[in-house]
Amino acid sequence: MKRSKLLVSIIGVVGVLITLGTVLILAACSGGVTAASSSNLKTSPTEVVPEINSDVVSATTASSSNSKISPTWITPGIYGDAVSIPTDVVESKVNVHFEVKTEKRTAYFMSYVYGGKINVRADFCPPCRSINFTLYKGTLVCNSCSTTFSATDGKGLQGACVNYPKASVPYETISGKMVMKQADLITAFENTLQPGLP
């Protein structure tokens, strides 16, 4: 008899402890943490925000991101004088580059999201021959010589190739694609081959 009473008492105590633990967990999850316990929590955004992977960064976070977003190669659609790239791919990858082959040369271009806008620019650094730029903190950084260019207007900011700004390319958005004229692309590329912009 004593044994069964002892067993019932132990089960009762365990039940109370489980109930108390559940209440504490629910209080913590619903924001009911006391001032004493919350003082130990780290609340600085820089401590809880993970580094953004360039494959999953969105167009919304691109403007404010401190992450280095390397370019992703894509293949444009070419139809006569029209060259197109998918808008959703540029928005999801944030920084892409592509090439257009002509009879005279292969010309390289980048398209990236910055400041809530999609930009298209020539993608070439003549002195160091680079065709690879990383988007980082509002700048385009040459992956060969580390020269930086403004992501807003393509002008050189600092570095060895600073005198070769990246010319922009006009485009229209049609049926989910960014459509450019091949002539405009080639003009921008040729302008980037020369110091300064016309």
Protein backbone atom coordinates (compact mmCIF):
# COMPACT_ATOMS: atom_id res chain seq x y z
CA MET A 1 0.00 0.00 0.00
CA LYS A 2 2.80 2.39 0.93
CA ARG A 3 4.55 1.53 -2.29
CA SER A 4 1.54 2.44 -4.45
CA LYS A 5 1.10 5.76 -2.57
CA LEU A 6 4.77 6.53 -3.12
CA LEU A 7 4.39 5.74 -6.82
CA VAL A 8 1.34 8.00 -7.11
CA SER A 9 3.28 10.81 -5.36
CA ILE A 10 6.24 10.44 -7.72
CA ILE A 11 3.93 10.47 -10.77
CA GLY A 12 2.22 13.59 -9.39
CA VAL A 13 5.55 15.41 -8.92
CA VAL A 14 6.71 14.44 -12.43
CA GLY A 15 3.40 15.69 -13.84
CA VAL A 16 3.81 19.04 -12.08
CA LEU A 17 7.38 19.39 -13.36
CA ILE A 18 6.30 18.61 -16.94
CA THR A 19 3.44 21.10 -16.72
CA LEU A 20 5.73 23.78 -15.28
CA GLY A 21 8.32 23.17 -18.00
CA THR A 22 5.65 23.41 -20.72
CA VAL A 23 4.37 26.71 -19.28
CA LEU A 24 7.90 28.17 -19.23
CA ILE A 25 8.55 27.09 -22.82
CA LEU A 26 5.25 28.58 -24.00
CA ALA A 27 5.95 31.83 -22.15
CA ALA A 28 9.38 32.11 -23.75
CA CYS A 29 8.02 31.39 -27.25
CA SER A 30 5.25 33.97 -26.91
CA GLY A 31 7.62 36.72 -25.83
CA GLY A 32 6.83 36.41 -22.15
CA VAL A 33 10.49 36.21 -21.13
CA THR A 34 11.20 38.20 -18.00
CA ALA A 35 13.56 41.17 -17.93
CA ALA A 36 16.08 39.16 -15.94
CA SER A 37 16.30 36.37 -18.52
CA SER A 38 16.12 38.65 -21.58
CA SER A 39 19.23 40.57 -20.52
CA ASN A 40 21.27 37.54 -21.54
CA LEU A 41 19.87 37.52 -25.10
CA LYS A 42 21.91 38.94 -27.98
CA THR A 43 19.73 41.36 -29.91
CA SER A 44 22.16 43.06 -32.29
CA PRO A 45 21.06 42.49 -35.92
CA THR A 46 24.64 41.86 -37.01
CA GLU A 47 24.84 38.94 -34.62
CA VAL A 48 21.71 37.20 -35.86
CA VAL A 49 21.63 37.97 -39.61
CA PRO A 50 23.45 35.25 -41.60
CA GLU A 51 25.62 36.05 -44.59
CA ILE A 52 23.51 35.97 -47.75
CA ASN A 53 24.35 33.31 -50.31
CA SER A 54 24.63 34.79 -53.82
CA ASP A 55 22.43 32.00 -55.21
CA VAL A 56 19.46 32.90 -53.04
CA VAL A 57 19.80 36.65 -52.49
CA SER A 58 16.69 38.50 -53.68
CA ALA A 59 16.44 41.72 -55.63
CA THR A 60 14.93 43.37 -52.56
CA THR A 61 17.97 42.69 -50.37
CA ALA A 62 20.56 43.35 -53.07
CA SER A 63 20.61 47.09 -52.54
CA SER A 64 21.23 46.80 -48.81
CA SER A 65 23.31 43.62 -48.79
CA ASN A 66 26.91 43.68 -47.60
CA SER A 67 27.50 40.32 -49.27
CA LYS A 68 29.73 39.90 -52.29
CA ILE A 69 27.54 38.76 -55.17
CA SER A 70 29.60 37.03 -57.82
CA PRO A 71 28.31 36.97 -61.40
CA THR A 72 26.49 33.99 -62.89
CA TRP A 73 26.98 33.23 -66.59
CA ILE A 74 23.75 33.09 -68.61
CA THR A 75 23.07 32.60 -72.31
CA PRO A 76 21.03 35.34 -74.01
CA GLY A 77 18.43 34.79 -76.68
CA ILE A 78 19.48 36.38 -79.99
CA TYR A 79 16.89 37.07 -82.69
CA GLY A 80 18.29 39.19 -85.51
CA ASP A 81 19.27 42.53 -83.94
CA ALA A 82 17.38 41.77 -80.69
CA VAL A 83 19.15 40.27 -77.68
CA SER A 84 17.13 39.22 -74.64
CA ILE A 85 17.70 37.85 -71.15
CA PRO A 86 15.00 36.69 -68.69
CA THR A 87 14.11 39.36 -66.13
CA ASP A 88 13.32 36.80 -63.42
CA VAL A 89 16.78 35.22 -63.76
CA VAL A 90 18.48 38.59 -63.28
CA GLU A 91 16.26 39.31 -60.27
CA SER A 92 16.93 35.94 -58.64
CA LYS A 93 20.68 35.79 -59.34
CA VAL A 94 21.12 39.59 -58.80
CA ASN A 95 24.37 39.70 -60.81
CA VAL A 96 24.68 37.96 -64.18
CA HIS A 97 26.90 38.31 -67.22
CA PHE A 98 26.56 37.21 -70.81
CA GLU A 99 28.30 37.48 -74.16
CA VAL A 100 27.26 38.52 -77.65
CA LYS A 101 29.33 37.34 -80.62
CA THR A 102 29.59 39.48 -83.73
CA GLU A 103 31.64 39.08 -86.91
CA LYS A 104 34.37 41.28 -85.43
CA ARG A 105 34.54 40.20 -81.78
CA THR A 106 32.91 38.74 -78.72
CA ALA A 107 31.49 41.46 -76.50
CA TYR A 108 30.74 40.93 -72.79
CA PHE A 109 27.98 42.42 -70.65
CA MET A 110 26.67 42.37 -67.10
CA SER A 111 23.18 42.85 -65.74
CA TYR A 112 22.62 43.38 -62.03
CA VAL A 113 20.07 44.63 -59.55
CA TYR A 114 21.01 47.68 -57.52
CA GLY A 115 18.94 50.43 -55.92
CA GLY A 116 15.70 48.69 -56.91
CA LYS A 117 16.66 48.89 -60.59
CA ILE A 118 18.05 46.42 -63.13
CA ASN A 119 21.13 47.74 -64.91
CA VAL A 120 22.86 46.49 -68.06
CA ARG A 121 26.46 47.54 -68.72
CA ALA A 122 29.48 46.55 -70.76
CA ASP A 123 31.47 43.95 -68.84
CA PHE A 124 35.11 44.48 -69.72
CA CYS A 125 38.18 46.02 -68.06
CA PRO A 126 40.55 46.84 -71.00
CA PRO A 127 43.90 47.25 -69.17
CA CYS A 128 43.63 43.97 -67.25
CA ARG A 129 41.35 42.18 -69.78
CA SER A 130 38.86 41.08 -67.10
CA ILE A 131 35.27 40.10 -67.87
CA ASN A 132 34.30 39.30 -64.29
CA PHE A 133 32.84 41.80 -61.79
CA THR A 134 31.46 41.23 -58.30
CA LEU A 135 28.64 43.39 -56.95
CA TYR A 136 29.62 44.59 -53.47
CA LYS A 137 28.32 47.46 -51.31
CA GLY A 138 27.16 49.59 -54.24
CA THR A 139 30.25 48.95 -56.34
CA LEU A 140 31.30 46.70 -59.20
CA VAL A 141 34.64 45.17 -58.25
CA CYS A 142 36.92 43.83 -60.99
CA ASN A 143 37.87 40.29 -60.00
CA SER A 144 41.28 40.64 -61.71
CA CYS A 145 42.64 44.03 -60.63
CA SER A 146 40.18 45.00 -57.82
CA THR A 147 39.34 48.34 -59.46
CA THR A 148 35.94 49.55 -58.24
CA PHE A 149 33.21 51.16 -60.32
CA SER A 150 29.94 52.74 -59.20
CA ALA A 151 27.00 50.34 -59.46
CA THR A 152 24.78 53.39 -60.00
CA ASP A 153 26.43 54.98 -63.04
CA GLY A 154 29.40 52.74 -63.97
CA LYS A 155 32.04 55.42 -63.30
CA GLY A 156 35.46 54.38 -62.01
CA LEU A 157 36.03 55.00 -58.31
CA GLN A 158 39.41 53.57 -57.34
CA GLY A 159 42.11 51.33 -58.81
CA ALA A 160 44.37 50.80 -61.82
CA CYS A 161 41.59 50.66 -64.44
CA VAL A 162 39.52 53.55 -63.04
CA ASN A 163 39.62 55.48 -66.35
CA TYR A 164 37.50 52.82 -68.12
CA PRO A 165 33.91 53.29 -66.87
CA LYS A 166 31.28 50.69 -67.72
CA ALA A 167 28.85 52.09 -70.32
CA SER A 168 25.15 51.37 -69.85
CA VAL A 169 22.85 49.67 -72.33
CA PRO A 170 19.20 50.71 -72.80
CA TYR A 171 16.59 47.94 -72.73
CA GLU A 172 12.84 47.37 -72.83
CA THR A 173 10.97 44.85 -70.73
CA ILE A 174 8.72 42.74 -72.96
CA SER A 175 6.87 39.60 -71.83
CA GLY A 176 9.21 38.95 -68.90
CA LYS A 177 12.38 39.54 -70.90
CA MET A 178 14.85 42.40 -71.02
CA VAL A 179 15.20 43.15 -74.73
CA MET A 180 18.21 45.09 -76.07
CA LYS A 181 19.30 46.07 -79.56
CA GLN A 182 22.53 44.43 -80.62
CA ALA A 183 23.71 47.80 -81.98
CA ASP A 184 23.24 49.42 -78.54
CA LEU A 185 25.16 46.60 -76.88
CA ILE A 186 28.09 46.92 -79.28
CA THR A 187 28.15 50.72 -78.91
CA ALA A 188 28.32 50.39 -75.10
CA PHE A 189 31.06 47.78 -75.35
CA GLU A 190 33.15 49.92 -77.73
CA ASN A 191 32.66 52.98 -75.48
CA THR A 192 34.03 50.95 -72.56
CA LEU A 193 37.16 50.10 -74.55
CA GLN A 194 38.14 53.79 -74.53
CA PRO A 195 39.07 55.93 -71.49
CA GLY A 196 36.13 58.00 -70.25
CA LEU A 197 32.63 57.95 -71.72
CA PRO A 198 31.45 59.92 -74.79
